[in-house]
Amino acid sequence: MASLEYLGMLPFLLLIALAGIQLGIVAYCAEQAGTAARTAARTAAEPDPHPDAGAAGHDAVSGWVNPAIGFPPADDARAVKATATVRVPSVLPGITIFGPVTRSATMPKEDASP
């Protein structure tokens, strides 16, 4: 009898476990988007910036994340703003619950003088 009760609860336990895993993936994607945005903005704010600062943002995160990095105009001419958007993968194929995660970072431009 106890095994029948366990079999009845098993789908609910699996659903709760999958929900926990999905929330962990969302949090990880948000953290990776923030890392990509900060790295891209910091690289573009250097006195001699790299020609493709977005590549630095890509290199700073896990390979499967694949962020889309953009450089919208900053509010201040002495700063660089970078925005990274990461698509959140789903634990269950074909079911999309969460949209993409976007994070922005603004870094002041560094002076070339010592």
C-alpha atoms as a PDB file:
ATOM      1  CA  MET A   1       0.000   0.000   0.000  1.00  0.00           C
ATOM      2  CA  ALA A   2       2.817   2.380   0.803  1.00  0.00           C
ATOM      3  CA  SER A   3       4.371   1.775  -2.597  1.00  0.00           C
ATOM      4  CA  LEU A   4       1.126   2.860  -4.286  1.00  0.00           C
ATOM      5  CA  GLU A   5       1.150   6.087  -2.284  1.00  0.00           C
ATOM      6  CA  TYR A   6       4.770   6.651  -3.287  1.00  0.00           C
ATOM      7  CA  LEU A   7       3.942   6.099  -6.958  1.00  0.00           C
ATOM      8  CA  GLY A   8       1.121   8.621  -6.650  1.00  0.00           C
ATOM      9  CA  MET A   9       3.449  11.264  -5.201  1.00  0.00           C
ATOM     10  CA  LEU A  10       6.329  10.593  -7.596  1.00  0.00           C
ATOM     11  CA  PRO A  11       5.078  12.893 -10.404  1.00  0.00           C
ATOM     12  CA  PHE A  12       4.714  15.777  -7.951  1.00  0.00           C
ATOM     13  CA  LEU A  13       8.193  15.201  -6.551  1.00  0.00           C
ATOM     14  CA  LEU A  14       9.653  15.129 -10.065  1.00  0.00           C
ATOM     15  CA  LEU A  15       7.805  18.337 -10.949  1.00  0.00           C
ATOM     16  CA  ILE A  16       9.167  20.089  -7.857  1.00  0.00           C
ATOM     17  CA  ALA A  17      12.695  18.867  -8.656  1.00  0.00           C
ATOM     18  CA  LEU A  18      12.465  20.074 -12.267  1.00  0.00           C
ATOM     19  CA  ALA A  19      11.136  23.449 -11.102  1.00  0.00           C
ATOM     20  CA  GLY A  20      14.119  23.812  -8.765  1.00  0.00           C
ATOM     21  CA  ILE A  21      16.536  22.946 -11.548  1.00  0.00           C
ATOM     22  CA  GLN A  22      14.830  25.416 -13.918  1.00  0.00           C
ATOM     23  CA  LEU A  23      15.070  28.245 -11.362  1.00  0.00           C
ATOM     24  CA  GLY A  24      18.757  27.442 -10.911  1.00  0.00           C
ATOM     25  CA  ILE A  25      19.297  27.706 -14.676  1.00  0.00           C
ATOM     26  CA  VAL A  26      17.495  31.069 -14.743  1.00  0.00           C
ATOM     27  CA  ALA A  27      19.690  32.403 -11.932  1.00  0.00           C
ATOM     28  CA  TYR A  28      22.829  31.120 -13.670  1.00  0.00           C
ATOM     29  CA  CYS A  29      21.852  32.753 -16.979  1.00  0.00           C
ATOM     30  CA  ALA A  30      21.204  36.062 -15.199  1.00  0.00           C
ATOM     31  CA  GLU A  31      24.622  35.899 -13.525  1.00  0.00           C
ATOM     32  CA  GLN A  32      26.323  35.072 -16.820  1.00  0.00           C
ATOM     33  CA  ALA A  33      24.532  37.962 -18.575  1.00  0.00           C
ATOM     34  CA  GLY A  34      25.818  40.345 -15.894  1.00  0.00           C
ATOM     35  CA  THR A  35      29.349  39.011 -16.268  1.00  0.00           C
ATOM     36  CA  ALA A  36      29.262  39.395 -20.056  1.00  0.00           C
ATOM     37  CA  ALA A  37      27.925  42.971 -19.829  1.00  0.00           C
ATOM     38  CA  ARG A  38      30.520  44.046 -17.237  1.00  0.00           C
ATOM     39  CA  THR A  39      33.409  42.513 -19.160  1.00  0.00           C
ATOM     40  CA  ALA A  40      32.340  44.043 -22.472  1.00  0.00           C
ATOM     41  CA  ALA A  41      31.842  47.481 -20.914  1.00  0.00           C
ATOM     42  CA  ARG A  42      35.159  47.321 -19.053  1.00  0.00           C
ATOM     43  CA  THR A  43      36.999  46.273 -22.224  1.00  0.00           C
ATOM     44  CA  ALA A  44      35.386  49.050 -24.288  1.00  0.00           C
ATOM     45  CA  ALA A  45      36.216  51.642 -21.599  1.00  0.00           C
ATOM     46  CA  GLU A  46      39.975  51.037 -21.724  1.00  0.00           C
ATOM     47  CA  PRO A  47      42.206  53.837 -23.084  1.00  0.00           C
ATOM     48  CA  ASP A  48      43.091  51.672 -26.104  1.00  0.00           C
ATOM     49  CA  PRO A  49      39.895  49.581 -26.468  1.00  0.00           C
ATOM     50  CA  HIS A  50      39.842  46.265 -28.242  1.00  0.00           C
ATOM     51  CA  PRO A  51      38.205  46.559 -31.697  1.00  0.00           C
ATOM     52  CA  ASP A  52      35.583  43.963 -30.698  1.00  0.00           C
ATOM     53  CA  ALA A  53      34.782  44.441 -27.011  1.00  0.00           C
ATOM     54  CA  GLY A  54      31.769  42.170 -27.423  1.00  0.00           C
ATOM     55  CA  ALA A  55      34.150  39.255 -28.021  1.00  0.00           C
ATOM     56  CA  ALA A  56      35.608  39.833 -24.547  1.00  0.00           C
ATOM     57  CA  GLY A  57      32.084  39.542 -23.129  1.00  0.00           C
ATOM     58  CA  HIS A  58      31.581  36.257 -24.995  1.00  0.00           C
ATOM     59  CA  ASP A  59      34.905  34.922 -23.753  1.00  0.00           C
ATOM     60  CA  ALA A  60      34.060  35.740 -20.121  1.00  0.00           C
ATOM     61  CA  VAL A  61      31.078  33.371 -19.915  1.00  0.00           C
ATOM     62  CA  SER A  62      30.363  29.682 -20.453  1.00  0.00           C
ATOM     63  CA  GLY A  63      30.343  28.511 -24.040  1.00  0.00           C
ATOM     64  CA  TRP A  64      26.717  27.323 -24.074  1.00  0.00           C
ATOM     65  CA  VAL A  65      25.336  30.660 -22.840  1.00  0.00           C
ATOM     66  CA  ASN A  66      26.071  32.569 -26.089  1.00  0.00           C
ATOM     67  CA  PRO A  67      25.064  36.113 -25.044  1.00  0.00           C
ATOM     68  CA  ALA A  68      23.947  38.792 -27.487  1.00  0.00           C
ATOM     69  CA  ILE A  69      25.990  41.876 -26.568  1.00  0.00           C
ATOM     70  CA  GLY A  70      25.153  45.393 -27.645  1.00  0.00           C
ATOM     71  CA  PHE A  71      26.463  48.855 -26.892  1.00  0.00           C
ATOM     72  CA  PRO A  72      23.550  51.290 -26.582  1.00  0.00           C
ATOM     73  CA  PRO A  73      24.403  54.978 -26.164  1.00  0.00           C
ATOM     74  CA  ALA A  74      25.361  55.825 -22.595  1.00  0.00           C
ATOM     75  CA  ASP A  75      23.805  58.751 -20.720  1.00  0.00           C
ATOM     76  CA  ASP A  76      27.274  60.256 -20.248  1.00  0.00           C
ATOM     77  CA  ALA A  77      29.915  60.731 -22.966  1.00  0.00           C
ATOM     78  CA  ARG A  78      32.590  59.740 -20.428  1.00  0.00           C
ATOM     79  CA  ALA A  79      31.105  56.252 -19.979  1.00  0.00           C
ATOM     80  CA  VAL A  80      30.511  53.079 -21.969  1.00  0.00           C
ATOM     81  CA  LYS A  81      27.340  51.037 -21.586  1.00  0.00           C
ATOM     82  CA  ALA A  82      27.058  47.368 -22.571  1.00  0.00           C
ATOM     83  CA  THR A  83      23.942  45.209 -22.566  1.00  0.00           C
ATOM     84  CA  ALA A  84      23.995  41.407 -22.656  1.00  0.00           C
ATOM     85  CA  THR A  85      20.971  39.229 -23.376  1.00  0.00           C
ATOM     86  CA  VAL A  86      21.005  35.501 -22.674  1.00  0.00           C
ATOM     87  CA  ARG A  87      18.306  33.064 -23.769  1.00  0.00           C
ATOM     88  CA  VAL A  88      17.180  30.808 -20.900  1.00  0.00           C
ATOM     89  CA  PRO A  89      17.027  27.146 -21.958  1.00  0.00           C
ATOM     90  CA  SER A  90      14.148  25.026 -20.714  1.00  0.00           C
ATOM     91  CA  VAL A  91      14.478  21.811 -18.741  1.00  0.00           C
ATOM     92  CA  LEU A  92      11.505  20.411 -20.631  1.00  0.00           C
ATOM     93  CA  PRO A  93      11.964  20.583 -24.410  1.00  0.00           C
ATOM     94  CA  GLY A  94       9.250  22.511 -26.209  1.00  0.00           C
ATOM     95  CA  ILE A  95       7.998  24.316 -23.104  1.00  0.00           C
ATOM     96  CA  THR A  96       9.288  27.871 -22.712  1.00  0.00           C
ATOM     97  CA  ILE A  97       8.356  29.496 -19.423  1.00  0.00           C
ATOM     98  CA  PHE A  98      11.037  32.160 -19.077  1.00  0.00           C
ATOM     99  CA  GLY A  99      12.030  34.723 -21.671  1.00  0.00           C
ATOM    100  CA  PRO A 100      15.559  35.959 -22.238  1.00  0.00           C
ATOM    101  CA  VAL A 101      17.485  37.606 -19.396  1.00  0.00           C
ATOM    102  CA  THR A 102      19.042  41.031 -20.018  1.00  0.00           C
ATOM    103  CA  ARG A 103      21.664  42.769 -17.890  1.00  0.00           C
ATOM    104  CA  SER A 104      23.439  46.099 -18.463  1.00  0.00           C
ATOM    105  CA  ALA A 105      26.675  47.562 -17.151  1.00  0.00           C
ATOM    106  CA  THR A 106      28.128  51.046 -17.410  1.00  0.00           C
ATOM    107  CA  MET A 107      31.851  51.701 -16.959  1.00  0.00           C
ATOM    108  CA  PRO A 108      33.639  55.063 -16.936  1.00  0.00           C
ATOM    109  CA  LYS A 109      36.141  55.592 -19.739  1.00  0.00           C
ATOM    110  CA  GLU A 110      39.703  55.340 -18.509  1.00  0.00           C
ATOM    111  CA  ASP A 111      42.207  58.118 -19.144  1.00  0.00           C
ATOM    112  CA  ALA A 112      45.230  57.366 -21.264  1.00  0.00           C
ATOM    113  CA  SER A 113      47.425  59.741 -19.223  1.00  0.00           C
ATOM    114  CA  PRO A 114      49.389  58.274 -16.266  1.00  0.00           C
END
